[in-house]
Amino acid sequence: MIKLRNGVLIPKMGLGTFLMNDEEAYNAVLSAIEIGYRHIDTAQMYQNEAVIGRAIKDSKVDRKELFITTKLMYHHSKENTKLKIMESLEKLQTNYLDLILIHWPSHDDSINLQTWQVFEELLEQGIVRAIGVSNFSRYQLLKLFEGAKVKPHVNQIEHHFNLPQIATKKFLLEHDIQTIGYAPLIRGRIFSDSLKAMVEPIAIRHNATIAQVAIAWGLAKGAIMIPKSTSKERQLENYESLNLKLDLEDIEKLDNIAAGKRYYSDPANNTYGKYIK
């Protein structure tokens, strides 16, 4: 577990649910919880909150044992932002969220702040336990700080050894903002011949898999990791990355792979931070 700035504990490993249809999401959440996952990451944009809520209920695991994260799709008026979040609570069959994130920043800093002020209200009311952002750059965060009463507890960003986010993570650390890393397997490209050739020797030496090495690298860098998998076998493989301790030499070799390449949208040029009143 990692302690956020406000004392809330968040599991180091979570299940990502991006691009899962209803059947996949339901079965994936059930199997992940059975394995031991207690952090489930979803988003309004994924359109699977309702089925995830049903899976969580059917798992019979006490709600207090789980950490549920969702993300606000687009930006809205303050009133509609509250309504959208209440809809997520209803779909997820819970009366509180452990973490709510702005999924993508608006290119209008005042809109980001307006959304953030609603998050701060919900935090104060106890409807959410922690608040954060996703895909925010250092510059977008600095603008948000200008009007925020509470700095984000987390920033969820693309994070893998091909995009180590060194400058962004240094900035987050300075402001006591936790990094949550998505796409640890580089959208499957970690299994490409070029990357596989560099990672496989490390995996063999540790009697581990390539995926486990990639996830363990992120954990070693202090990030919370949320790999996605619909396969129970792969979920277990990913979960066991928590037990893999890479050597300093391994980490340095993986660091040297860095090409600074994104496989998801650039926060400064994203098309998802729309304002829909």
C-alpha atoms as a PDB file:
ATOM      1  CA  MET A   1       0.000   0.000   0.000  1.00  0.00           C
ATOM      2  CA  ILE A   2       1.043   3.600  -0.612  1.00  0.00           C
ATOM      3  CA  LYS A   3      -0.117   6.438   1.621  1.00  0.00           C
ATOM      4  CA  LEU A   4      -1.418   9.502  -0.203  1.00  0.00           C
ATOM      5  CA  ARG A   5      -0.797  12.985   1.137  1.00  0.00           C
ATOM      6  CA  ASN A   6      -4.120  12.994   3.011  1.00  0.00           C
ATOM      7  CA  GLY A   7      -3.455   9.627   4.662  1.00  0.00           C
ATOM      8  CA  VAL A   8      -5.596   7.508   2.329  1.00  0.00           C
ATOM      9  CA  LEU A   9      -3.997   4.155   1.506  1.00  0.00           C
ATOM     10  CA  ILE A  10      -3.986   2.993  -2.116  1.00  0.00           C
ATOM     11  CA  PRO A  11      -2.872  -0.461  -3.309  1.00  0.00           C
ATOM     12  CA  LYS A  12       0.326  -0.496  -5.385  1.00  0.00           C
ATOM     13  CA  MET A  13      -1.317  -2.687  -8.022  1.00  0.00           C
ATOM     14  CA  GLY A  14      -4.676  -2.158  -9.695  1.00  0.00           C
ATOM     15  CA  LEU A  15      -6.703  -3.650 -12.514  1.00  0.00           C
ATOM     16  CA  GLY A  16      -7.099  -1.434 -15.569  1.00  0.00           C
ATOM     17  CA  THR A  17     -10.405  -1.885 -17.445  1.00  0.00           C
ATOM     18  CA  PHE A  18      -9.926   0.233 -20.580  1.00  0.00           C
ATOM     19  CA  LEU A  19     -11.452  -1.242 -23.768  1.00  0.00           C
ATOM     20  CA  MET A  20     -13.296  -4.036 -21.966  1.00  0.00           C
ATOM     21  CA  ASN A  21     -16.830  -4.853 -23.076  1.00  0.00           C
ATOM     22  CA  ASP A  22     -19.464  -5.748 -20.483  1.00  0.00           C
ATOM     23  CA  GLU A  23     -18.774  -9.465 -20.382  1.00  0.00           C
ATOM     24  CA  GLU A  24     -15.006  -8.989 -20.296  1.00  0.00           C
ATOM     25  CA  ALA A  25     -15.192  -6.332 -17.579  1.00  0.00           C
ATOM     26  CA  TYR A  26     -17.525  -8.386 -15.388  1.00  0.00           C
ATOM     27  CA  ASN A  27     -15.418 -11.534 -15.570  1.00  0.00           C
ATOM     28  CA  ALA A  28     -12.129  -9.624 -15.296  1.00  0.00           C
ATOM     29  CA  VAL A  29     -13.159  -7.837 -12.113  1.00  0.00           C
ATOM     30  CA  LEU A  30     -14.445 -11.035 -10.502  1.00  0.00           C
ATOM     31  CA  SER A  31     -11.286 -12.986 -11.304  1.00  0.00           C
ATOM     32  CA  ALA A  32      -8.996 -10.126 -10.278  1.00  0.00           C
ATOM     33  CA  ILE A  33     -10.692  -9.772  -6.893  1.00  0.00           C
ATOM     34  CA  GLU A  34     -10.458 -13.541  -6.410  1.00  0.00           C
ATOM     35  CA  ILE A  35      -6.702 -13.359  -7.090  1.00  0.00           C
ATOM     36  CA  GLY A  36      -6.249 -10.575  -4.560  1.00  0.00           C
ATOM     37  CA  TYR A  37      -6.568  -7.293  -6.453  1.00  0.00           C
ATOM     38  CA  ARG A  38      -8.255  -4.658  -4.344  1.00  0.00           C
ATOM     39  CA  HIS A  39      -7.820  -1.649  -6.643  1.00  0.00           C
ATOM     40  CA  ILE A  40     -10.198  -1.402  -9.607  1.00  0.00           C
ATOM     41  CA  ASP A  41      -9.645   1.422 -12.112  1.00  0.00           C
ATOM     42  CA  THR A  42     -12.397   2.469 -14.511  1.00  0.00           C
ATOM     43  CA  ALA A  43     -13.739   5.633 -16.156  1.00  0.00           C
ATOM     44  CA  GLN A  44     -16.966   7.086 -17.472  1.00  0.00           C
ATOM     45  CA  MET A  45     -15.381   7.035 -20.906  1.00  0.00           C
ATOM     46  CA  TYR A  46     -14.934   3.261 -20.721  1.00  0.00           C
ATOM     47  CA  GLN A  47     -18.720   2.802 -20.468  1.00  0.00           C
ATOM     48  CA  ASN A  48     -18.369  -0.192 -18.153  1.00  0.00           C
ATOM     49  CA  GLU A  49     -18.975   1.302 -14.695  1.00  0.00           C
ATOM     50  CA  ALA A  50     -22.374  -0.404 -14.285  1.00  0.00           C
ATOM     51  CA  VAL A  51     -21.110  -3.893 -15.034  1.00  0.00           C
ATOM     52  CA  ILE A  52     -18.048  -3.306 -12.849  1.00  0.00           C
ATOM     53  CA  GLY A  53     -20.373  -2.255 -10.038  1.00  0.00           C
ATOM     54  CA  ARG A  54     -22.332  -5.491 -10.490  1.00  0.00           C
ATOM     55  CA  ALA A  55     -19.134  -7.567 -10.463  1.00  0.00           C
ATOM     56  CA  ILE A  56     -17.929  -5.879  -7.294  1.00  0.00           C
ATOM     57  CA  LYS A  57     -21.255  -6.584  -5.614  1.00  0.00           C
ATOM     58  CA  ASP A  58     -21.256 -10.197  -6.805  1.00  0.00           C
ATOM     59  CA  SER A  59     -17.701 -10.693  -5.506  1.00  0.00           C
ATOM     60  CA  LYS A  60     -19.106 -10.490  -1.952  1.00  0.00           C
ATOM     61  CA  VAL A  61     -15.947  -8.655  -0.838  1.00  0.00           C
ATOM     62  CA  ASP A  62     -16.603  -5.938   1.732  1.00  0.00           C
ATOM     63  CA  ARG A  63     -16.663  -2.526   0.046  1.00  0.00           C
ATOM     64  CA  LYS A  64     -14.202  -1.177   2.609  1.00  0.00           C
ATOM     65  CA  GLU A  65     -11.587  -3.635   1.376  1.00  0.00           C
ATOM     66  CA  LEU A  66     -11.727  -2.244  -2.154  1.00  0.00           C
ATOM     67  CA  PHE A  67     -10.254   0.872  -3.721  1.00  0.00           C
ATOM     68  CA  ILE A  68     -12.419   2.108  -6.599  1.00  0.00           C
ATOM     69  CA  THR A  69     -11.167   4.758  -9.021  1.00  0.00           C
ATOM     70  CA  THR A  70     -13.177   6.354 -11.793  1.00  0.00           C
ATOM     71  CA  LYS A  71     -12.618   9.330 -14.067  1.00  0.00           C
ATOM     72  CA  LEU A  72     -14.862  12.155 -15.216  1.00  0.00           C
ATOM     73  CA  MET A  73     -15.532  12.137 -18.942  1.00  0.00           C
ATOM     74  CA  TYR A  74     -15.185  15.630 -20.403  1.00  0.00           C
ATOM     75  CA  HIS A  75     -15.838  18.865 -18.498  1.00  0.00           C
ATOM     76  CA  HIS A  76     -19.237  20.310 -17.629  1.00  0.00           C
ATOM     77  CA  SER A  77     -20.925  23.044 -15.639  1.00  0.00           C
ATOM     78  CA  LYS A  78     -20.459  22.622 -11.892  1.00  0.00           C
ATOM     79  CA  GLU A  79     -24.019  21.357 -11.501  1.00  0.00           C
ATOM     80  CA  ASN A  80     -23.664  18.787 -14.279  1.00  0.00           C
ATOM     81  CA  THR A  81     -20.249  17.702 -13.037  1.00  0.00           C
ATOM     82  CA  LYS A  82     -21.862  16.772  -9.716  1.00  0.00           C
ATOM     83  CA  LEU A  83     -24.676  14.963 -11.515  1.00  0.00           C
ATOM     84  CA  LYS A  84     -22.218  12.978 -13.657  1.00  0.00           C
ATOM     85  CA  ILE A  85     -20.260  11.870 -10.607  1.00  0.00           C
ATOM     86  CA  MET A  86     -23.447  10.866  -8.789  1.00  0.00           C
ATOM     87  CA  GLU A  87     -24.338   8.776 -11.839  1.00  0.00           C
ATOM     88  CA  SER A  88     -20.998   6.985 -11.510  1.00  0.00           C
ATOM     89  CA  LEU A  89     -21.701   6.270  -7.842  1.00  0.00           C
ATOM     90  CA  GLU A  90     -25.060   4.777  -8.775  1.00  0.00           C
ATOM     91  CA  LYS A  91     -23.591   2.638 -11.557  1.00  0.00           C
ATOM     92  CA  LEU A  92     -20.769   1.408  -9.326  1.00  0.00           C
ATOM     93  CA  GLN A  93     -23.287   0.661  -6.559  1.00  0.00           C
ATOM     94  CA  THR A  94     -21.369   2.581  -3.926  1.00  0.00           C
ATOM     95  CA  ASN A  95     -22.041   5.643  -1.805  1.00  0.00           C
ATOM     96  CA  TYR A  96     -18.464   6.905  -2.053  1.00  0.00           C
ATOM     97  CA  LEU A  97     -15.464   6.770  -4.362  1.00  0.00           C
ATOM     98  CA  ASP A  98     -11.936   6.169  -3.197  1.00  0.00           C
ATOM     99  CA  LEU A  99     -10.540   8.297  -6.016  1.00  0.00           C
ATOM    100  CA  ILE A 100     -12.026  10.509  -8.723  1.00  0.00           C
ATOM    101  CA  LEU A 101      -9.861  11.888 -11.535  1.00  0.00           C
ATOM    102  CA  ILE A 102     -10.203  14.487 -14.267  1.00  0.00           C
ATOM    103  CA  HIS A 103      -9.605  12.130 -17.174  1.00  0.00           C
ATOM    104  CA  TRP A 104      -8.103  14.651 -19.599  1.00  0.00           C
ATOM    105  CA  PRO A 105      -7.228  18.318 -19.143  1.00  0.00           C
ATOM    106  CA  SER A 106      -9.128  21.032 -20.953  1.00  0.00           C
ATOM    107  CA  HIS A 107      -7.029  23.440 -23.001  1.00  0.00           C
ATOM    108  CA  ASP A 108      -8.817  26.176 -21.032  1.00  0.00           C
ATOM    109  CA  ASP A 109      -7.174  26.390 -17.599  1.00  0.00           C
ATOM    110  CA  SER A 110     -10.254  28.049 -16.104  1.00  0.00           C
ATOM    111  CA  ILE A 111     -12.367  25.029 -17.087  1.00  0.00           C
ATOM    112  CA  ASN A 112      -9.924  22.672 -15.358  1.00  0.00           C
ATOM    113  CA  LEU A 113     -10.189  24.783 -12.218  1.00  0.00           C
ATOM    114  CA  GLN A 114     -13.986  24.853 -12.382  1.00  0.00           C
ATOM    115  CA  THR A 115     -14.094  21.052 -12.520  1.00  0.00           C
ATOM    116  CA  TRP A 116     -11.498  20.824  -9.774  1.00  0.00           C
ATOM    117  CA  GLN A 117     -13.542  23.013  -7.444  1.00  0.00           C
ATOM    118  CA  VAL A 118     -16.376  20.476  -7.647  1.00  0.00           C
ATOM    119  CA  PHE A 119     -13.904  17.708  -6.762  1.00  0.00           C
ATOM    120  CA  GLU A 120     -12.781  19.727  -3.738  1.00  0.00           C
ATOM    121  CA  GLU A 121     -16.400  20.088  -2.594  1.00  0.00           C
ATOM    122  CA  LEU A 122     -17.018  16.346  -2.892  1.00  0.00           C
ATOM    123  CA  LEU A 123     -13.803  15.653  -0.975  1.00  0.00           C
ATOM    124  CA  GLU A 124     -14.920  17.942   1.827  1.00  0.00           C
ATOM    125  CA  GLN A 125     -18.322  16.238   1.885  1.00  0.00           C
ATOM    126  CA  GLY A 126     -16.760  12.772   2.119  1.00  0.00           C
ATOM    127  CA  ILE A 127     -18.298  11.566  -1.139  1.00  0.00           C
ATOM    128  CA  VAL A 128     -14.778  10.955  -2.430  1.00  0.00           C
ATOM    129  CA  ARG A 129     -11.757  10.019  -0.318  1.00  0.00           C
ATOM    130  CA  ALA A 130      -9.086  11.386  -2.674  1.00  0.00           C
ATOM    131  CA  ILE A 131      -9.045  13.570  -5.780  1.00  0.00           C
ATOM    132  CA  GLY A 132      -6.661  13.696  -8.680  1.00  0.00           C
ATOM    133  CA  VAL A 133      -6.026  14.257 -12.343  1.00  0.00           C
ATOM    134  CA  SER A 134      -4.979  12.134 -15.285  1.00  0.00           C
ATOM    135  CA  ASN A 135      -2.803  13.063 -18.243  1.00  0.00           C
ATOM    136  CA  PHE A 136      -1.891  16.490 -16.835  1.00  0.00           C
ATOM    137  CA  SER A 137       1.458  18.038 -17.729  1.00  0.00           C
ATOM    138  CA  ARG A 138       3.559  20.002 -15.261  1.00  0.00           C
ATOM    139  CA  TYR A 139       2.400  23.244 -16.842  1.00  0.00           C
ATOM    140  CA  GLN A 140      -1.288  22.351 -16.624  1.00  0.00           C
ATOM    141  CA  LEU A 141      -0.799  21.407 -12.985  1.00  0.00           C
ATOM    142  CA  LEU A 142       0.917  24.690 -12.194  1.00  0.00           C
ATOM    143  CA  LYS A 143      -2.045  26.591 -13.618  1.00  0.00           C
ATOM    144  CA  LEU A 144      -4.414  24.439 -11.574  1.00  0.00           C
ATOM    145  CA  PHE A 145      -2.420  25.151  -8.404  1.00  0.00           C
ATOM    146  CA  GLU A 146      -3.087  28.875  -8.836  1.00  0.00           C
ATOM    147  CA  GLY A 147      -6.734  28.493  -7.850  1.00  0.00           C
ATOM    148  CA  ALA A 148      -6.847  25.134  -6.085  1.00  0.00           C
ATOM    149  CA  LYS A 149      -7.386  24.807  -2.347  1.00  0.00           C
ATOM    150  CA  VAL A 150      -6.236  21.182  -2.425  1.00  0.00           C
ATOM    151  CA  LYS A 151      -3.499  19.960  -4.739  1.00  0.00           C
ATOM    152  CA  PRO A 152      -4.197  16.692  -6.568  1.00  0.00           C
ATOM    153  CA  HIS A 153      -3.361  13.591  -4.598  1.00  0.00           C
ATOM    154  CA  VAL A 154      -2.411  11.704  -7.768  1.00  0.00           C
ATOM    155  CA  ASN A 155      -1.687  12.169 -11.461  1.00  0.00           C
ATOM    156  CA  GLN A 156      -2.365   9.116 -13.616  1.00  0.00           C
ATOM    157  CA  ILE A 157      -0.055   9.200 -16.624  1.00  0.00           C
ATOM    158  CA  GLU A 158       1.336   6.974 -19.354  1.00  0.00           C
ATOM    159  CA  HIS A 159       4.374   5.433 -17.691  1.00  0.00           C
ATOM    160  CA  HIS A 160       6.697   2.688 -18.908  1.00  0.00           C
ATOM    161  CA  PHE A 161      10.413   2.328 -19.487  1.00  0.00           C
ATOM    162  CA  ASN A 162      10.063   3.700 -23.014  1.00  0.00           C
ATOM    163  CA  LEU A 163       8.446   6.810 -21.516  1.00  0.00           C
ATOM    164  CA  PRO A 164       9.837   7.117 -17.968  1.00  0.00           C
ATOM    165  CA  GLN A 165       8.369  10.606 -17.393  1.00  0.00           C
ATOM    166  CA  ILE A 166      11.461  11.667 -15.445  1.00  0.00           C
ATOM    167  CA  ALA A 167      10.778  15.425 -15.363  1.00  0.00           C
ATOM    168  CA  THR A 168       7.064  15.043 -14.688  1.00  0.00           C
ATOM    169  CA  LYS A 169       7.643  12.559 -11.870  1.00  0.00           C
ATOM    170  CA  LYS A 170      10.295  14.783 -10.287  1.00  0.00           C
ATOM    171  CA  PHE A 171       7.752  17.616 -10.309  1.00  0.00           C
ATOM    172  CA  LEU A 172       5.037  15.380  -8.815  1.00  0.00           C
ATOM    173  CA  LEU A 173       7.381  14.211  -6.080  1.00  0.00           C
ATOM    174  CA  GLU A 174       8.210  17.805  -5.175  1.00  0.00           C
ATOM    175  CA  HIS A 175       4.491  18.481  -4.676  1.00  0.00           C
ATOM    176  CA  ASP A 176       3.770  15.173  -2.909  1.00  0.00           C
ATOM    177  CA  ILE A 177       1.549  13.987  -5.755  1.00  0.00           C
ATOM    178  CA  GLN A 178       1.561  10.232  -6.324  1.00  0.00           C
ATOM    179  CA  THR A 179       2.134   8.800  -9.810  1.00  0.00           C
ATOM    180  CA  ILE A 180      -0.240   6.162 -11.153  1.00  0.00           C
ATOM    181  CA  GLY A 181       1.170   4.583 -14.287  1.00  0.00           C
ATOM    182  CA  TYR A 182      -0.922   3.239 -17.117  1.00  0.00           C
ATOM    183  CA  ALA A 183       0.189   1.284 -20.201  1.00  0.00           C
ATOM    184  CA  PRO A 184       3.032  -0.542 -18.396  1.00  0.00           C
ATOM    185  CA  LEU A 185       3.162  -3.072 -21.246  1.00  0.00           C
ATOM    186  CA  ILE A 186       3.420  -0.287 -23.846  1.00  0.00           C
ATOM    187  CA  ARG A 187       0.144  -1.343 -25.491  1.00  0.00           C
ATOM    188  CA  GLY A 188       1.578  -4.797 -26.130  1.00  0.00           C
ATOM    189  CA  ARG A 189       4.689  -3.493 -27.866  1.00  0.00           C
ATOM    190  CA  ILE A 190       6.858  -4.829 -25.075  1.00  0.00           C
ATOM    191  CA  PHE A 191       6.567  -8.190 -26.836  1.00  0.00           C
ATOM    192  CA  SER A 192       7.897  -6.808 -30.112  1.00  0.00           C
ATOM    193  CA  ASP A 193      11.215  -8.261 -31.253  1.00  0.00           C
ATOM    194  CA  SER A 194      13.247  -5.127 -30.543  1.00  0.00           C
ATOM    195  CA  LEU A 195      12.063  -4.614 -26.948  1.00  0.00           C
ATOM    196  CA  LYS A 196      11.754  -8.311 -26.181  1.00  0.00           C
ATOM    197  CA  ALA A 197      15.434  -8.842 -27.021  1.00  0.00           C
ATOM    198  CA  MET A 198      16.429  -6.257 -24.417  1.00  0.00           C
ATOM    199  CA  VAL A 199      14.026  -7.305 -21.646  1.00  0.00           C
ATOM    200  CA  GLU A 200      14.047 -11.087 -21.975  1.00  0.00           C
ATOM    201  CA  PRO A 201      17.534 -11.643 -20.483  1.00  0.00           C
ATOM    202  CA  ILE A 202      16.442  -9.834 -17.331  1.00  0.00           C
ATOM    203  CA  ALA A 203      13.254 -11.899 -17.162  1.00  0.00           C
ATOM    204  CA  ILE A 204      15.161 -15.167 -17.586  1.00  0.00           C
ATOM    205  CA  ARG A 205      17.643 -14.252 -14.864  1.00  0.00           C
ATOM    206  CA  HIS A 206      14.803 -13.648 -12.400  1.00  0.00           C
ATOM    207  CA  ASN A 207      12.716 -16.610 -13.561  1.00  0.00           C
ATOM    208  CA  ALA A 208      10.020 -14.085 -14.459  1.00  0.00           C
ATOM    209  CA  THR A 209       8.080 -13.029 -17.542  1.00  0.00           C
ATOM    210  CA  ILE A 210       8.653  -9.994 -19.713  1.00  0.00           C
ATOM    211  CA  ALA A 211       5.379  -8.486 -18.489  1.00  0.00           C
ATOM    212  CA  GLN A 212       6.402  -8.952 -14.877  1.00  0.00           C
ATOM    213  CA  VAL A 213       9.708  -7.199 -15.485  1.00  0.00           C
ATOM    214  CA  ALA A 214       7.931  -4.238 -17.089  1.00  0.00           C
ATOM    215  CA  ILE A 215       5.493  -3.881 -14.203  1.00  0.00           C
ATOM    216  CA  ALA A 216       8.192  -4.424 -11.567  1.00  0.00           C
ATOM    217  CA  TRP A 217      10.214  -1.610 -13.164  1.00  0.00           C
ATOM    218  CA  GLY A 218       7.303   0.794 -12.647  1.00  0.00           C
ATOM    219  CA  LEU A 219       6.810  -0.364  -9.069  1.00  0.00           C
ATOM    220  CA  ALA A 220      10.528   0.107  -8.408  1.00  0.00           C
ATOM    221  CA  LYS A 221      10.162   3.671  -9.644  1.00  0.00           C
ATOM    222  CA  GLY A 222       7.534   4.271  -6.975  1.00  0.00           C
ATOM    223  CA  ALA A 223       4.522   4.324  -9.269  1.00  0.00           C
ATOM    224  CA  ILE A 224       1.194   2.609  -8.679  1.00  0.00           C
ATOM    225  CA  MET A 225       0.673   0.298 -11.656  1.00  0.00           C
ATOM    226  CA  ILE A 226      -2.646  -0.610 -13.295  1.00  0.00           C
ATOM    227  CA  PRO A 227      -2.049  -3.236 -15.982  1.00  0.00           C
ATOM    228  CA  LYS A 228      -5.102  -4.397 -17.908  1.00  0.00           C
ATOM    229  CA  SER A 229      -5.932  -8.025 -18.633  1.00  0.00           C
ATOM    230  CA  THR A 230      -9.112  -9.994 -19.216  1.00  0.00           C
ATOM    231  CA  SER A 231      -7.297 -13.314 -18.696  1.00  0.00           C
ATOM    232  CA  LYS A 232      -7.204 -14.687 -15.156  1.00  0.00           C
ATOM    233  CA  GLU A 233      -3.855 -16.321 -15.919  1.00  0.00           C
ATOM    234  CA  ARG A 234      -2.344 -13.019 -17.054  1.00  0.00           C
ATOM    235  CA  GLN A 235      -3.930 -11.164 -14.153  1.00  0.00           C
ATOM    236  CA  LEU A 236      -2.185 -13.537 -11.762  1.00  0.00           C
ATOM    237  CA  GLU A 237       1.070 -13.143 -13.680  1.00  0.00           C
ATOM    238  CA  ASN A 238       0.793  -9.362 -13.416  1.00  0.00           C
ATOM    239  CA  TYR A 239      -0.169  -9.482  -9.744  1.00  0.00           C
ATOM    240  CA  GLU A 240       2.896 -11.551  -8.904  1.00  0.00           C
ATOM    241  CA  SER A 241       5.044  -8.673 -10.156  1.00  0.00           C
ATOM    242  CA  LEU A 242       4.612  -7.304  -6.637  1.00  0.00           C
ATOM    243  CA  ASN A 243       7.050  -9.996  -5.497  1.00  0.00           C
ATOM    244  CA  LEU A 244       9.689  -9.316  -8.161  1.00  0.00           C
ATOM    245  CA  LYS A 245      12.565  -7.179  -6.949  1.00  0.00           C
ATOM    246  CA  LEU A 246      14.781  -5.987  -9.775  1.00  0.00           C
ATOM    247  CA  ASP A 247      18.464  -5.309  -9.228  1.00  0.00           C
ATOM    248  CA  LEU A 248      19.819  -1.793  -9.649  1.00  0.00           C
ATOM    249  CA  GLU A 249      21.670  -3.036 -12.733  1.00  0.00           C
ATOM    250  CA  ASP A 250      18.394  -4.324 -14.222  1.00  0.00           C
ATOM    251  CA  ILE A 251      16.678  -1.017 -13.610  1.00  0.00           C
ATOM    252  CA  GLU A 252      19.529   0.917 -15.216  1.00  0.00           C
ATOM    253  CA  LYS A 253      19.387  -1.319 -18.299  1.00  0.00           C
ATOM    254  CA  LEU A 254      15.650  -0.710 -18.612  1.00  0.00           C
ATOM    255  CA  ASP A 255      16.148   3.022 -18.048  1.00  0.00           C
ATOM    256  CA  ASN A 256      18.537   3.076 -20.999  1.00  0.00           C
ATOM    257  CA  ILE A 257      15.805   1.811 -23.318  1.00  0.00           C
ATOM    258  CA  ALA A 258      13.903   5.068 -22.921  1.00  0.00           C
ATOM    259  CA  ALA A 259      12.995   6.666 -26.238  1.00  0.00           C
ATOM    260  CA  GLY A 260      10.598   9.282 -24.871  1.00  0.00           C
ATOM    261  CA  LYS A 261       7.823   7.922 -27.061  1.00  0.00           C
ATOM    262  CA  ARG A 262       4.124   8.185 -26.270  1.00  0.00           C
ATOM    263  CA  TYR A 263       1.609   5.586 -27.356  1.00  0.00           C
ATOM    264  CA  TYR A 264      -1.390   7.571 -26.122  1.00  0.00           C
ATOM    265  CA  SER A 265      -2.399  11.191 -26.681  1.00  0.00           C
ATOM    266  CA  ASP A 266      -0.176  14.110 -25.779  1.00  0.00           C
ATOM    267  CA  PRO A 267      -1.796  16.015 -22.854  1.00  0.00           C
ATOM    268  CA  ALA A 268      -0.964  19.328 -24.504  1.00  0.00           C
ATOM    269  CA  ASN A 269      -2.747  18.343 -27.718  1.00  0.00           C
ATOM    270  CA  ASN A 270      -5.436  15.911 -26.569  1.00  0.00           C
ATOM    271  CA  THR A 271      -8.924  16.027 -28.081  1.00  0.00           C
ATOM    272  CA  TYR A 272     -10.716  14.596 -25.028  1.00  0.00           C
ATOM    273  CA  GLY A 273     -10.795  17.512 -22.593  1.00  0.00           C
ATOM    274  CA  LYS A 274     -13.956  18.925 -24.140  1.00  0.00           C
ATOM    275  CA  TYR A 275     -16.391  21.206 -22.340  1.00  0.00           C
ATOM    276  CA  ILE A 276     -19.931  19.898 -22.708  1.00  0.00           C
ATOM    277  CA  LYS A 277     -22.156  21.947 -20.453  1.00  0.00           C
END
